[in-house]
Protein backbone atom coordinates (compact mmCIF):
# COMPACT_ATOMS: atom_id res chain seq x y z
CA MET A 1 0.00 0.00 0.00
CA GLY A 2 1.32 3.44 -0.91
CA ALA A 3 1.99 6.04 1.74
CA ALA A 4 -0.65 8.37 0.33
CA VAL A 5 -3.34 5.69 0.44
CA GLY A 6 -2.31 4.70 3.96
CA ALA A 7 -2.55 8.31 5.10
CA ALA A 8 -5.95 8.69 3.50
CA LEU A 9 -7.22 5.55 5.18
CA LYS A 10 -6.06 6.80 8.57
CA LYS A 11 -7.90 10.07 8.03
CA VAL A 12 -11.05 8.21 7.10
CA LEU A 13 -10.68 6.03 10.19
CA VAL A 14 -10.62 9.11 12.41
CA ALA A 15 -13.72 10.49 10.70
CA ILE A 16 -15.60 7.22 11.07
CA LEU A 17 -14.82 6.70 14.73
CA THR A 18 -15.56 10.32 15.59
CA GLU A 19 -19.00 10.61 14.06
CA PRO A 20 -21.57 8.00 15.22
CA LYS A 21 -23.94 8.80 12.35
CA VAL A 22 -21.21 8.08 9.83
CA LEU A 23 -20.12 5.00 11.74
CA LYS A 24 -23.65 3.60 11.60
CA ASN A 25 -24.31 4.37 7.97
CA ILE A 26 -22.32 5.13 4.87
CA LEU A 27 -18.72 4.64 5.99
CA PHE A 28 -19.06 1.60 8.22
CA SER A 29 -17.41 -0.57 5.60
CA LEU A 30 -14.40 1.71 5.68
CA LEU A 31 -13.96 1.14 9.40
CA VAL A 32 -13.62 -2.55 8.75
CA LEU A 33 -11.31 -1.90 5.82
CA VAL A 34 -9.00 0.45 7.70
CA VAL A 35 -8.58 -1.57 10.85
CA ALA A 36 -8.11 -4.72 8.78
CA VAL A 37 -5.27 -3.08 6.85
CA ILE A 38 -3.59 -0.97 9.51
CA LEU A 39 -4.16 -2.54 12.89
CA PRO A 40 -3.04 -5.90 14.38
CA THR A 41 -5.47 -8.80 14.04
CA ALA A 42 -6.01 -9.11 17.80
CA PHE A 43 -6.99 -5.44 17.95
CA VAL A 44 -9.42 -5.89 15.07
CA VAL A 45 -11.07 -8.83 16.81
CA SER A 46 -11.34 -6.91 20.08
CA ILE A 47 -13.14 -4.03 18.34
CA PHE A 48 -15.69 -6.23 16.62
CA SER A 49 -16.25 -8.48 19.61
CA GLY A 50 -17.23 -5.49 21.71
CA ASP A 51 -14.29 -5.91 24.07
CA PHE A 52 -12.75 -2.61 22.99
CA GLU A 53 -14.41 0.68 23.85
CA ILE A 54 -13.74 3.63 21.55
CA ASP A 55 -13.13 6.97 23.25
CA THR A 56 -14.98 9.13 20.73
CA GLN A 57 -14.39 12.31 22.72
CA SER A 58 -10.62 11.85 22.51
CA LEU A 59 -10.83 11.11 18.80
CA ARG A 60 -12.95 14.20 18.26
CA GLN A 61 -10.35 16.25 20.05
CA TYR A 62 -7.67 14.65 17.87
CA VAL A 63 -9.56 15.75 14.77
CA GLU A 64 -9.85 19.31 16.08
CA ASP A 65 -6.16 19.44 16.94
CA ASN A 66 -4.68 17.71 13.92
CA LEU A 67 -6.85 17.92 10.82
CA SER A 68 -6.48 20.91 8.57
CA ALA A 69 -9.18 22.49 6.45
CA SER A 70 -7.86 20.52 3.47
CA ASP A 71 -8.10 17.28 5.49
CA ILE A 72 -11.71 18.02 6.33
CA HIS A 73 -12.40 18.84 2.68
CA PHE A 74 -10.82 15.52 1.71
CA LEU A 75 -13.09 13.60 4.09
CA SER A 76 -16.12 15.46 2.78
CA THR A 77 -15.14 14.53 -0.77
CA VAL A 78 -14.71 10.88 0.22
CA GLU A 79 -18.16 10.81 1.78
CA ASN A 80 -19.72 12.44 -1.28
CA ILE A 81 -18.17 9.91 -3.65
CA MET A 82 -19.20 7.05 -1.37
CA GLU A 83 -22.80 8.29 -1.49
CA ARG A 84 -22.70 8.55 -5.28
CA ILE A 85 -21.34 5.00 -5.55
CA GLU A 86 -24.10 3.71 -3.28
CA GLU A 87 -26.82 5.46 -5.30
CA ALA A 88 -25.42 4.20 -8.60
CA MET A 89 -25.06 0.61 -7.38
CA ILE A 90 -28.66 0.60 -6.18
CA GLU A 91 -29.82 2.08 -9.50
CA ALA A 92 -27.95 -0.70 -11.31
CA GLU A 93 -29.68 -3.28 -9.07
CA MET A 94 -26.31 -4.22 -7.59
CA GLY A 95 -27.01 -2.81 -4.15
CA SER A 96 -25.72 -5.90 -2.37
CA GLN A 97 -22.27 -5.17 -3.83
CA THR A 98 -22.16 -1.54 -2.71
CA LYS A 99 -19.53 -2.08 -0.03
CA ALA A 100 -17.30 -3.90 -2.52
CA ALA A 101 -17.47 -0.92 -4.90
CA GLN A 102 -16.75 1.51 -2.08
CA VAL A 103 -13.80 -0.57 -0.91
CA LEU A 104 -12.30 -0.61 -4.42
CA TYR A 105 -12.59 3.17 -4.57
CA ILE A 106 -10.81 3.65 -1.24
CA MET A 107 -8.36 0.81 -1.77
CA ALA A 108 -7.02 1.69 -5.21
CA LEU A 109 -9.12 4.11 -7.26
CA ASP A 110 -8.94 7.43 -5.42
CA ASP A 111 -6.70 8.89 -8.15
CA TYR A 112 -9.44 8.22 -10.73
CA ALA A 113 -12.36 9.61 -8.72
CA ASN A 114 -12.28 13.05 -10.32
CA GLN A 115 -12.29 11.71 -13.86
CA PRO A 116 -15.54 12.08 -15.86
CA GLY A 117 -17.82 9.08 -15.48
CA PHE A 118 -15.75 7.50 -12.69
CA VAL A 119 -18.73 6.16 -10.74
CA SER A 120 -20.48 4.71 -13.78
CA ARG A 121 -17.23 3.11 -14.95
CA LEU A 122 -16.75 1.51 -11.55
CA VAL A 123 -20.33 0.25 -11.40
CA SER A 124 -20.00 -1.24 -14.90
CA CYS A 125 -17.32 -3.61 -13.56
CA PHE A 126 -19.89 -5.43 -11.45
CA LEU A 127 -21.86 -8.35 -12.84
CA PRO A 128 -24.16 -10.86 -11.09
CA GLU A 129 -22.56 -14.09 -9.86
CA GLN A 130 -18.98 -13.00 -10.57
CA THR A 131 -15.97 -14.13 -8.54
CA ASP A 132 -13.48 -11.78 -6.90
CA ALA A 133 -10.96 -12.67 -9.60
CA GLN A 134 -13.41 -11.80 -12.38
CA LEU A 135 -14.32 -8.50 -10.73
CA ILE A 136 -10.70 -7.45 -10.21
CA ALA A 137 -9.86 -8.40 -13.80
CA ARG A 138 -12.61 -6.08 -15.04
CA VAL A 139 -11.52 -3.25 -12.74
CA ASN A 140 -7.87 -3.56 -13.75
CA SER A 141 -8.88 -3.57 -17.41
CA GLU A 142 -11.19 -0.57 -17.02
CA PHE A 143 -8.80 1.63 -15.05
CA GLY A 144 -5.39 0.28 -16.01
CA THR A 145 -4.66 -0.64 -12.40
CA ASN A 146 -2.82 -3.63 -11.02
CA ILE A 147 -4.96 -4.56 -8.02
CA SER A 148 -4.08 -7.89 -6.43
CA VAL A 149 -6.99 -10.31 -6.18
CA GLN A 150 -5.56 -11.65 -2.94
CA ASP A 151 -5.28 -8.18 -1.38
CA TYR A 152 -8.87 -7.39 -2.34
CA THR A 153 -10.15 -10.75 -1.09
CA ASN A 154 -8.32 -10.36 2.23
CA VAL A 155 -9.91 -6.96 2.82
CA MET A 156 -13.38 -8.10 1.75
CA LYS A 157 -13.12 -11.20 3.92
CA ASN A 158 -13.22 -8.97 6.99
CA ILE A 159 -16.05 -6.84 5.67
CA ARG A 160 -18.17 -9.74 4.46
CA SER A 161 -17.83 -11.58 7.74
CA GLU A 162 -18.62 -8.58 9.93
CA VAL A 163 -21.55 -7.15 7.98
CA ILE A 164 -24.47 -9.50 7.33
CA ASN A 165 -26.08 -8.63 4.01
CA VAL A 166 -29.84 -8.51 4.55
CA SER A 167 -30.60 -6.29 1.55
CA GLY A 168 -32.48 -9.15 -0.11
CA PHE A 169 -34.84 -9.85 2.81
CA THR A 170 -38.50 -9.79 1.81
CA ASN A 171 -40.01 -9.44 5.30
CA PRO A 172 -37.46 -8.73 8.06
CA ALA A 173 -40.20 -8.55 10.70
CA ASN A 174 -41.40 -12.11 10.07
CA LYS A 175 -39.13 -15.14 10.03
CA ASN A 176 -39.81 -16.90 6.73
CA ASN A 177 -38.34 -19.35 4.24
CA LEU A 178 -37.38 -16.81 1.57
CA ASP A 179 -35.32 -14.74 3.99
CA LEU A 180 -33.74 -17.90 5.40
CA VAL A 181 -32.46 -18.54 1.87
CA GLU A 182 -31.13 -14.97 1.63
CA TRP A 183 -29.40 -15.45 4.99
CA ALA A 184 -27.80 -18.69 3.79
CA LYS A 185 -26.64 -17.05 0.56
CA ALA A 186 -25.13 -14.14 2.50
CA ALA A 187 -23.23 -16.58 4.74
CA TYR A 188 -21.97 -18.51 1.74
CA GLU A 189 -20.90 -15.40 -0.16
CA ALA A 190 -19.16 -14.03 2.94
CA GLY A 191 -17.22 -17.26 3.43
CA TRP A 192 -18.42 -18.11 6.92
CA GLY A 193 -16.47 -20.82 8.68
CA TYR A 194 -17.63 -23.86 10.61
CA VAL A 195 -17.21 -24.34 14.35
CA MET A 196 -19.40 -26.82 16.17
CA GLY A 197 -21.82 -25.13 18.56
CA THR A 198 -21.73 -21.67 16.94
CA TYR A 199 -24.55 -19.90 15.15
CA GLY A 200 -23.31 -16.91 13.19
CA LYS A 201 -21.51 -14.68 15.65
CA VAL A 202 -17.97 -13.46 15.03
CA LEU A 203 -15.54 -16.03 16.42
CA THR A 204 -13.54 -14.32 19.16
CA GLU A 205 -10.80 -15.79 21.35
CA GLU A 206 -13.27 -15.96 24.22
CA LEU A 207 -15.92 -17.76 22.16
CA LEU A 208 -13.40 -20.21 20.73
CA ASP A 209 -11.98 -21.01 24.18
CA ALA A 210 -15.51 -21.62 25.45
CA LYS A 211 -16.28 -24.01 22.61
CA ILE A 212 -13.01 -25.88 23.09
CA THR A 213 -13.91 -26.39 26.75
CA GLN A 214 -17.47 -27.41 25.89
CA LEU A 215 -16.60 -29.63 22.91
CA PRO A 216 -12.98 -30.77 23.27
CA ASP A 217 -13.22 -33.39 20.53
CA ALA A 218 -15.41 -31.62 17.96
CA VAL A 219 -13.71 -28.24 18.37
CA GLY A 220 -10.51 -28.77 20.36
CA SER A 221 -9.09 -31.29 17.95
CA TYR A 222 -9.40 -28.69 15.16
CA GLU A 223 -8.10 -25.76 17.20
CA GLU A 224 -5.04 -25.07 15.06
CA TYR A 225 -7.05 -25.08 11.83
CA ILE A 226 -9.82 -22.93 13.32
CA ARG A 227 -7.38 -20.35 14.64
CA ALA A 228 -5.60 -20.13 11.31
CA ASN A 229 -8.76 -19.84 9.21
CA TYR A 230 -11.77 -18.62 11.17
CA LEU A 231 -10.72 -16.45 14.12
CA GLY A 232 -12.31 -13.03 13.68
CA LEU A 233 -14.85 -14.31 11.14
CA ARG A 234 -18.44 -15.47 11.51
CA THR A 235 -18.94 -19.20 12.03
CA ALA A 236 -21.83 -21.63 12.40
CA ASP A 237 -22.47 -25.34 12.50
CA CYS A 238 -25.14 -26.93 10.32
CA VAL A 239 -28.20 -26.25 12.45
CA GLY A 240 -26.54 -23.11 13.84
CA LEU A 241 -26.75 -21.58 10.37
CA ILE A 242 -30.54 -21.94 10.58
CA LYS A 243 -30.83 -20.90 14.23
CA GLY A 244 -28.65 -17.86 13.59
CA TYR A 245 -31.20 -16.55 11.09
CA CYS A 246 -34.09 -17.22 13.43
CA TRP A 247 -32.30 -15.50 16.34
CA TYR A 248 -31.13 -12.51 14.29
CA ASP A 249 -32.61 -9.05 14.93
CA VAL A 250 -32.44 -6.96 11.77
CA GLU A 251 -32.89 -3.70 13.70
CA THR A 252 -30.00 -4.22 16.11
CA GLY A 253 -27.85 -6.53 14.00
CA GLU A 254 -27.53 -8.85 16.99
CA ILE A 255 -28.01 -12.62 17.19
CA SER A 256 -29.68 -13.34 20.53
CA TYR A 257 -29.60 -16.91 21.79
CA ALA A 258 -32.92 -18.83 21.63
CA SER A 259 -34.92 -15.72 20.68
CA ASN A 260 -37.89 -15.13 18.36
CA GLY A 261 -39.61 -18.34 19.41
CA HIS A 262 -36.98 -20.67 17.93
CA PRO A 263 -35.52 -23.04 20.53
CA ASP A 264 -31.92 -24.24 20.72
CA ILE A 265 -32.31 -27.68 19.15
CA SER A 266 -30.11 -30.11 17.27
CA ALA A 267 -30.33 -31.04 13.60
CA ASP A 268 -32.17 -34.27 14.37
CA GLN A 269 -34.53 -32.53 16.79
CA LEU A 270 -35.41 -29.93 14.16
CA TYR A 271 -36.34 -32.68 11.72
CA GLY A 272 -38.13 -34.69 14.39
CA ARG A 273 -40.37 -31.79 15.46
CA ALA A 274 -41.40 -30.90 11.91
CA THR A 275 -44.98 -31.74 10.97
CA GLU A 276 -44.46 -31.36 7.23
CA LYS A 277 -41.72 -33.61 5.89
CA GLY A 278 -40.96 -36.51 3.60
CA PRO A 279 -38.28 -38.59 1.90
CA ILE A 280 -35.81 -36.73 -0.30
CA SER A 281 -37.40 -38.29 -3.39
CA THR A 282 -40.47 -36.10 -2.73
CA LEU A 283 -38.52 -32.86 -2.18
CA PRO A 284 -40.83 -29.96 -3.13
CA GLU A 285 -39.49 -27.01 -5.12
CA ILE A 286 -39.77 -24.64 -2.16
CA PRO A 287 -36.76 -22.47 -1.26
CA GLY A 288 -36.03 -22.61 2.44
CA ILE A 289 -36.95 -26.27 2.88
CA ILE A 290 -34.67 -28.00 5.39
CA LEU A 291 -32.69 -30.98 4.07
CA HIS A 292 -31.82 -33.72 6.55
CA LYS A 293 -29.69 -36.75 7.08
CA ASP A 294 -28.55 -38.31 10.33
CA GLY A 295 -27.02 -35.54 12.47
CA HIS A 296 -26.92 -32.95 9.72
CA VAL A 297 -29.14 -30.37 8.00
CA GLY A 298 -28.87 -27.97 5.08
CA ILE A 299 -31.00 -25.29 3.45
CA TYR A 300 -32.53 -25.88 0.03
CA ILE A 301 -32.18 -22.71 -2.07
CA GLY A 302 -33.88 -23.93 -5.25
CA ASP A 303 -32.94 -25.32 -8.65
CA GLY A 304 -31.36 -28.41 -7.14
CA TYR A 305 -28.88 -26.58 -4.89
CA ALA A 306 -28.42 -26.27 -1.16
CA ILE A 307 -26.28 -24.24 1.22
CA GLU A 308 -24.93 -25.96 4.29
CA ALA A 309 -22.33 -25.56 7.00
CA MET A 310 -20.60 -28.77 5.98
CA GLY A 311 -17.76 -29.18 8.46
CA THR A 312 -14.66 -27.61 9.98
CA LYS A 313 -12.48 -28.07 6.90
CA TYR A 314 -15.22 -26.83 4.56
CA GLY A 315 -17.17 -24.00 6.19
CA VAL A 316 -20.42 -22.80 4.63
CA VAL A 317 -20.67 -24.19 1.10
CA LYS A 318 -23.07 -24.46 -1.84
CA THR A 319 -23.73 -28.00 -3.01
CA ARG A 320 -25.90 -29.98 -5.40
CA VAL A 321 -28.66 -31.79 -3.54
CA ALA A 322 -28.20 -34.89 -5.69
CA ASN A 323 -24.56 -35.21 -4.59
CA ARG A 324 -25.03 -35.13 -0.82
CA ASN A 325 -27.05 -38.24 0.10
CA TRP A 326 -29.81 -36.37 1.90
CA SER A 327 -32.41 -38.74 3.30
CA GLY A 328 -35.34 -36.38 3.86
CA TRP A 329 -36.75 -32.87 3.87
CA CYS A 330 -38.95 -30.85 6.21
CA LYS A 331 -40.38 -27.42 6.80
CA ASN A 332 -38.88 -25.64 9.77
CA PRO A 333 -41.88 -25.52 12.15
CA TYR A 334 -40.69 -22.26 13.72
CA ILE A 335 -40.83 -20.07 10.60
CA THR A 336 -43.48 -19.12 8.04
CA TYR A 337 -43.39 -20.58 4.54
CA VAL A 338 -44.52 -18.21 1.81
CA GLU A 339 -44.52 -18.44 -1.96
CA GLU A 340 -42.17 -16.40 -4.12
CA THR A 341 -43.79 -13.43 -5.80
CA GLU A 342 -43.70 -13.11 -9.55
CA GLU A 343 -41.20 -10.25 -9.21
CA GLN A 344 -38.88 -12.35 -7.02
CA GLU A 345 -39.03 -15.26 -9.47
CA LEU A 346 -37.87 -12.99 -12.28
CA THR A 347 -34.89 -11.59 -10.36
């Protein structure tokens, strides 16, 4: 990273941490980006786990004492461009990728931001269902940059794991099958890991230690792998992926244990308590159906595919139903099953 970019990121960090309104809204993704790039991993984890309290008054004083008028103008310009990117991504029906576009701007494209058509050129690089490598190839081609796919993926890994994308939810106030699918897709796209006994929270040192104590074989025997791959990211086990959605509060962004009328039950208990179920040969084409085999569940997302928290060495993955030896299906008895609207089917 160049010195100029690093300096800019630090300025943005100060602005984000100083202004709660900004922190909550447009520049939240930048907070994740900056601390992921500049600060030690342990410090990053402590911030996002809630163990670290930010002294906003001291940071505000720092801004007053150290930022010049040109610095403040720079931050205002950054915020304006971020807003324009957000508006353009939504207009292009790529709203779920807004943070990715904003990260690319801050990470490598600041020098191009004043060029005519910058925002539309950036938005044109985004296509549905593209990989990070495909996106970066398009950006490098469009702007003549040399962005590393690995650098971009490393930054986005932190952002995707911290921020749960609920932009596709149809009815956040009512737990339902369509939003369960959107939840599963968000977890898959963010690259959530797998740790037995977890249900979507960020994996902190404290949480990992607790799970090792609780499940020494299922978690403790994989400690080295988990620490190397999942610490600081969101994790879930198979039924935890489902429970995490049911326990998630869209307003607060918190996952509260055994809330919203969904009990803490195992994969087999979920299947056992279902009143609507059948053998896998009779699987209905209903997104959000729960797939089951002994000790394991997944989420049917339609068109013959499922998303499941497969295991420690796999994380949350997308699989073909026909390839996974599922024995049965059921409707989760603790959520509402609704049909897709015509508009949703076309998107």
